[in-house]
């Protein structure tokens, strides 16, 4: 499968540009169409807002939101100048995560920026989009991202349905990589516990697609699985992580912690997640 139809979230926050820049590069590389999706900052329905606001205030709110949407579109257009990427712009209403989840369903991949104001519990809007959209989501850290994504990719593999879905969704990006590491952390706690070499079966599958791939296993390395994953990413200078999201319930990870939540909060490179 090729990535031919990409979407990127646009807003007026400082972190938006890093996601937009990567989305443009990826669209160029894939020769894909790129849709910029802007969600109005005021999610309340206009008819309800009108009931609680004077006509003058209502006009001011609508005018300010229109200006913000136009600014987001100018940023989108400026980023695409001379890129050769085919593009379109959509302005959506409603709660941000609902609107983004909806529009992600009309694309092969949704690119969003990590929310640098996400609470420690709750995860921010990326958390909900990943869970609800039914599409792979590429989350770009607000600290920036290496581009293009064609160096080393780390696949966080535990044999689960979610991780299998993520690998399949990420295959067009994996085919661009120079090296793919299939990383299994503490395999005794996964469905891979009885494998002679955990991750080897997936490596064999990916090798049939022409990938240069190697299984890596961390046993009892200490620290949380999330910390071990980030440590491996740093050790091999990876520029992309592929992983399934929420193999356990989201509530359990909110209370007890988990790899998904850890990566959403502490990612250092772009992370492709599927659920």
Protein backbone atom coordinates (compact mmCIF):
# COMPACT_ATOMS: atom_id res chain seq x y z
CA UNK A 1 0.00 0.00 0.00
CA UNK A 2 1.24 3.49 -0.86
CA UNK A 3 0.53 6.60 1.17
CA UNK A 4 -1.30 8.73 -1.37
CA UNK A 5 -3.59 10.82 0.84
CA UNK A 6 -2.19 12.49 3.99
CA UNK A 7 -3.77 14.87 6.48
CA UNK A 8 -2.13 17.23 8.95
CA UNK A 9 -3.60 19.08 11.91
CA UNK A 10 -3.26 22.86 11.76
CA UNK A 11 -3.67 25.27 14.64
CA UNK A 12 -2.19 28.55 15.84
CA UNK A 13 0.09 27.01 18.49
CA UNK A 14 3.86 27.20 18.36
CA UNK A 15 4.26 23.42 17.97
CA UNK A 16 2.10 23.22 14.84
CA UNK A 17 4.90 24.10 12.44
CA UNK A 18 7.10 21.09 13.26
CA UNK A 19 4.28 18.70 12.36
CA UNK A 20 3.44 20.65 9.24
CA UNK A 21 7.06 20.68 8.06
CA UNK A 22 7.34 16.91 8.42
CA UNK A 23 3.98 16.35 6.72
CA UNK A 24 5.12 18.37 3.69
CA UNK A 25 8.39 16.42 3.42
CA UNK A 26 6.52 13.12 3.73
CA UNK A 27 3.97 14.16 1.12
CA UNK A 28 6.81 15.05 -1.24
CA UNK A 29 8.53 11.74 -0.65
CA UNK A 30 5.33 9.75 -1.22
CA UNK A 31 4.01 12.00 -4.00
CA UNK A 32 0.86 12.23 -1.90
CA UNK A 33 -1.95 14.74 -1.57
CA UNK A 34 -1.85 16.71 1.71
CA UNK A 35 -4.95 18.06 3.43
CA UNK A 36 -4.59 20.66 6.16
CA UNK A 37 -7.32 20.37 8.80
CA UNK A 38 -8.05 23.38 11.01
CA UNK A 39 -10.53 23.00 13.88
CA UNK A 40 -12.26 26.10 15.20
CA UNK A 41 -11.08 27.17 18.65
CA UNK A 42 -14.69 27.78 19.78
CA UNK A 43 -16.36 24.35 19.66
CA UNK A 44 -19.78 25.51 20.88
CA UNK A 45 -22.50 25.42 18.24
CA UNK A 46 -23.19 28.93 16.89
CA UNK A 47 -26.90 28.73 17.73
CA UNK A 48 -26.10 27.91 21.37
CA UNK A 49 -23.44 30.57 21.54
CA UNK A 50 -25.88 33.14 20.18
CA UNK A 51 -28.30 32.43 23.03
CA UNK A 52 -25.70 33.41 25.65
CA UNK A 53 -23.91 36.28 23.88
CA UNK A 54 -24.91 39.69 22.57
CA UNK A 55 -24.95 40.15 18.77
CA UNK A 56 -21.87 42.39 19.00
CA UNK A 57 -19.95 39.82 21.06
CA UNK A 58 -21.08 37.04 18.74
CA UNK A 59 -19.85 38.95 15.70
CA UNK A 60 -16.51 39.57 17.42
CA UNK A 61 -16.05 35.89 18.29
CA UNK A 62 -16.87 34.78 14.76
CA UNK A 63 -14.56 37.41 13.25
CA UNK A 64 -11.65 36.47 15.52
CA UNK A 65 -12.07 32.78 14.74
CA UNK A 66 -12.18 33.50 11.02
CA UNK A 67 -8.92 35.45 11.34
CA UNK A 68 -7.29 32.52 13.16
CA UNK A 69 -8.45 30.09 10.48
CA UNK A 70 -7.13 32.36 7.74
CA UNK A 71 -3.79 32.65 9.54
CA UNK A 72 -3.58 28.85 9.76
CA UNK A 73 -4.33 28.58 6.05
CA UNK A 74 -1.62 31.12 5.20
CA UNK A 75 0.85 29.10 7.27
CA UNK A 76 -0.21 25.96 5.42
CA UNK A 77 0.09 27.63 2.00
CA UNK A 78 3.45 29.20 2.85
CA UNK A 79 4.83 25.81 3.93
CA UNK A 80 3.72 24.27 0.64
CA UNK A 81 5.17 26.96 -1.62
CA UNK A 82 7.54 25.46 -4.19
CA UNK A 83 7.04 21.97 -2.69
CA UNK A 84 5.11 20.59 -5.66
CA UNK A 85 2.68 18.91 -3.24
CA UNK A 86 -0.99 18.78 -4.18
CA UNK A 87 -3.04 20.10 -1.29
CA UNK A 88 -6.41 21.18 0.08
CA UNK A 89 -7.61 22.93 3.23
CA UNK A 90 -10.53 22.07 5.49
CA UNK A 91 -12.01 24.10 8.31
CA UNK A 92 -13.91 21.96 10.80
CA UNK A 93 -16.06 22.66 13.82
CA UNK A 94 -16.82 20.81 17.03
CA UNK A 95 -14.52 19.43 19.75
CA UNK A 96 -10.98 19.22 18.44
CA UNK A 97 -10.39 15.51 18.98
CA UNK A 98 -13.76 14.56 17.48
CA UNK A 99 -13.19 16.68 14.38
CA UNK A 100 -9.64 15.41 13.88
CA UNK A 101 -10.72 11.79 14.35
CA UNK A 102 -13.44 12.28 11.76
CA UNK A 103 -11.19 13.87 9.14
CA UNK A 104 -8.42 11.33 9.77
CA UNK A 105 -10.80 8.68 8.44
CA UNK A 106 -10.59 10.29 5.00
CA UNK A 107 -6.79 9.90 4.81
CA UNK A 108 -4.17 7.15 4.81
CA UNK A 109 -2.29 8.82 7.67
CA UNK A 110 -2.95 11.73 10.04
CA UNK A 111 0.01 13.86 11.18
CA UNK A 112 -0.38 15.78 14.43
CA UNK A 113 2.04 17.58 16.71
CA UNK A 114 2.60 16.53 20.30
CA UNK A 115 0.75 18.83 22.65
CA UNK A 116 3.37 20.48 24.88
CA UNK A 117 0.61 21.45 27.30
CA UNK A 118 -0.85 17.95 27.73
CA UNK A 119 -1.64 17.14 31.35
CA UNK A 120 0.20 14.30 33.07
CA UNK A 121 -3.15 12.50 33.37
CA UNK A 122 -5.49 12.73 30.40
CA UNK A 123 -2.89 12.67 27.66
CA UNK A 124 -4.11 15.57 25.56
CA UNK A 125 -5.93 15.34 22.26
CA UNK A 126 -3.39 13.00 20.59
CA UNK A 127 -4.46 10.31 23.04
CA UNK A 128 -8.07 10.47 21.85
CA UNK A 129 -7.32 10.77 18.14
CA UNK A 130 -5.16 7.64 18.22
CA UNK A 131 -7.90 5.70 20.00
CA UNK A 132 -10.86 6.94 18.01
CA UNK A 133 -9.88 7.65 14.41
CA UNK A 134 -9.29 4.11 13.09
CA UNK A 135 -6.26 5.29 11.12
CA UNK A 136 -2.54 5.38 11.84
CA UNK A 137 -1.45 8.63 13.49
CA UNK A 138 2.05 10.07 13.18
CA UNK A 139 2.75 12.20 16.25
CA UNK A 140 5.62 14.68 15.91
CA UNK A 141 7.39 15.82 19.10
CA UNK A 142 7.15 19.52 19.81
CA UNK A 143 10.94 19.65 20.18
CA UNK A 144 11.24 19.00 16.44
CA UNK A 145 11.84 16.01 14.19
CA UNK A 146 14.50 14.70 11.85
CA UNK A 147 13.32 14.54 8.28
CA UNK A 148 12.91 12.63 6.11
CA UNK A 149 12.09 9.44 8.01
CA UNK A 150 14.46 7.21 6.08
CA UNK A 151 17.17 6.30 8.60
CA UNK A 152 16.65 3.74 11.36
CA UNK A 153 13.13 2.84 12.46
CA UNK A 154 12.42 1.08 15.74
CA UNK A 155 9.36 -1.18 15.85
CA UNK A 156 8.18 -1.77 19.42
CA UNK A 157 6.94 -5.34 19.10
CA UNK A 158 5.07 -7.43 21.66
CA UNK A 159 3.03 -9.71 19.42
CA UNK A 160 -0.27 -7.98 20.20
CA UNK A 161 -3.08 -7.13 17.81
CA UNK A 162 -2.31 -3.43 18.23
CA UNK A 163 1.38 -3.80 17.39
CA UNK A 164 0.58 -5.99 14.37
CA UNK A 165 -1.83 -3.33 13.13
CA UNK A 166 0.82 -0.62 13.59
CA UNK A 167 3.45 -2.55 11.64
CA UNK A 168 1.07 -3.11 8.74
CA UNK A 169 -0.03 0.54 8.76
CA UNK A 170 3.60 1.69 8.84
CA UNK A 171 4.81 -0.55 6.01
CA UNK A 172 5.04 2.31 3.44
CA UNK A 173 7.34 4.17 5.85
CA UNK A 174 9.32 1.05 6.76
CA UNK A 175 10.05 0.52 3.06
CA UNK A 176 11.83 3.90 3.06
CA UNK A 177 14.07 3.01 6.01
CA UNK A 178 17.72 2.05 5.79
CA UNK A 179 17.39 -0.19 8.85
CA UNK A 180 14.49 -1.54 10.92
CA UNK A 181 15.02 -2.75 14.49
CA UNK A 182 12.28 -4.99 15.87
CA UNK A 183 12.63 -4.37 19.60
CA UNK A 184 11.08 -6.76 22.11
CA UNK A 185 11.22 -5.72 25.76
CA UNK A 186 10.88 -8.37 28.50
CA UNK A 187 9.37 -11.02 26.18
CA UNK A 188 8.33 -13.21 29.11
CA UNK A 189 5.54 -10.70 29.73
CA UNK A 190 4.25 -10.89 26.13
CA UNK A 191 2.63 -13.48 23.84
CA UNK A 192 6.17 -14.09 22.51
CA UNK A 193 7.37 -15.78 25.70
CA UNK A 194 7.91 -19.19 24.08
CA UNK A 195 9.68 -17.97 20.92
CA UNK A 196 13.28 -19.09 20.42
CA UNK A 197 14.12 -15.54 19.36
CA UNK A 198 11.29 -13.09 20.10
CA UNK A 199 10.71 -10.86 17.10
CA UNK A 200 12.35 -13.22 14.60
CA UNK A 201 9.05 -14.21 12.97
CA UNK A 202 8.19 -10.58 12.33
CA UNK A 203 11.68 -9.97 10.96
CA UNK A 204 11.20 -12.85 8.53
CA UNK A 205 7.89 -11.37 7.40
CA UNK A 206 9.35 -7.88 6.90
CA UNK A 207 12.42 -9.27 5.12
CA UNK A 208 10.08 -10.74 2.51
CA UNK A 209 9.05 -7.16 1.79
CA UNK A 210 12.67 -6.33 1.07
CA UNK A 211 13.47 -4.64 4.38
CA UNK A 212 16.81 -4.72 6.15
CA UNK A 213 15.61 -5.80 9.57
CA UNK A 214 17.04 -7.20 12.80
CA UNK A 215 15.48 -8.49 16.02
CA UNK A 216 16.65 -6.89 19.27
CA UNK A 217 15.65 -8.20 22.70
CA UNK A 218 15.92 -6.42 26.06
CA UNK A 219 15.59 -8.78 29.02
CA UNK A 220 15.50 -7.32 32.50
CA UNK A 221 17.37 -4.21 31.46
CA UNK A 222 15.84 -2.21 34.29
CA UNK A 223 13.58 0.81 34.15
CA UNK A 224 10.15 0.99 32.62
CA UNK A 225 9.46 -0.38 29.15
CA UNK A 226 8.96 3.18 27.96
CA UNK A 227 12.39 4.22 29.25
CA UNK A 228 14.00 1.17 27.65
CA UNK A 229 12.36 1.99 24.32
CA UNK A 230 13.56 5.60 24.41
CA UNK A 231 17.05 4.45 25.42
CA UNK A 232 17.24 2.13 22.41
CA UNK A 233 15.98 4.91 20.14
CA UNK A 234 18.82 7.12 21.36
CA UNK A 235 21.44 4.34 21.12
CA UNK A 236 20.73 3.65 17.43
CA UNK A 237 19.92 7.28 16.51
CA UNK A 238 16.51 6.24 15.24
CA UNK A 239 14.25 8.83 13.68
CA UNK A 240 10.93 6.99 13.90
CA UNK A 241 9.16 4.63 16.32
CA UNK A 242 6.31 2.36 15.27
CA UNK A 243 4.08 0.93 17.99
CA UNK A 244 0.60 -0.21 18.85
CA UNK A 245 -1.38 2.00 21.21
CA UNK A 246 -3.08 0.85 24.38
CA UNK A 247 -2.74 -2.90 24.51
CA UNK A 248 -4.20 -2.47 28.00
CA UNK A 249 -7.21 -0.28 28.71
CA UNK A 250 -6.64 3.46 28.54
CA UNK A 251 -7.93 3.81 32.12
CA UNK A 252 -5.39 1.27 33.39
CA UNK A 253 -2.55 3.11 31.68
CA UNK A 254 -3.77 6.44 33.04
CA UNK A 255 -3.67 5.06 36.58
CA UNK A 256 -0.74 2.62 36.45
CA UNK A 257 1.27 3.97 33.57
CA UNK A 258 2.21 2.24 30.33
CA UNK A 259 4.35 2.50 27.23
CA UNK A 260 1.71 4.40 25.21
CA UNK A 261 1.27 7.11 27.82
CA UNK A 262 5.03 7.31 28.41
CA UNK A 263 5.71 7.86 24.71
CA UNK A 264 2.93 10.42 24.32
CA UNK A 265 4.49 12.44 27.12
CA UNK A 266 8.23 11.87 26.55
CA UNK A 267 8.72 11.15 22.83
CA UNK A 268 11.99 12.35 21.34
CA UNK A 269 11.33 11.32 17.72
CA UNK A 270 8.12 10.96 15.68
CA UNK A 271 5.95 8.02 16.73
CA UNK A 272 3.50 6.22 14.48
CA UNK A 273 0.71 4.72 16.58
CA UNK A 274 -2.24 2.52 15.66
CA UNK A 275 -4.94 1.03 17.83
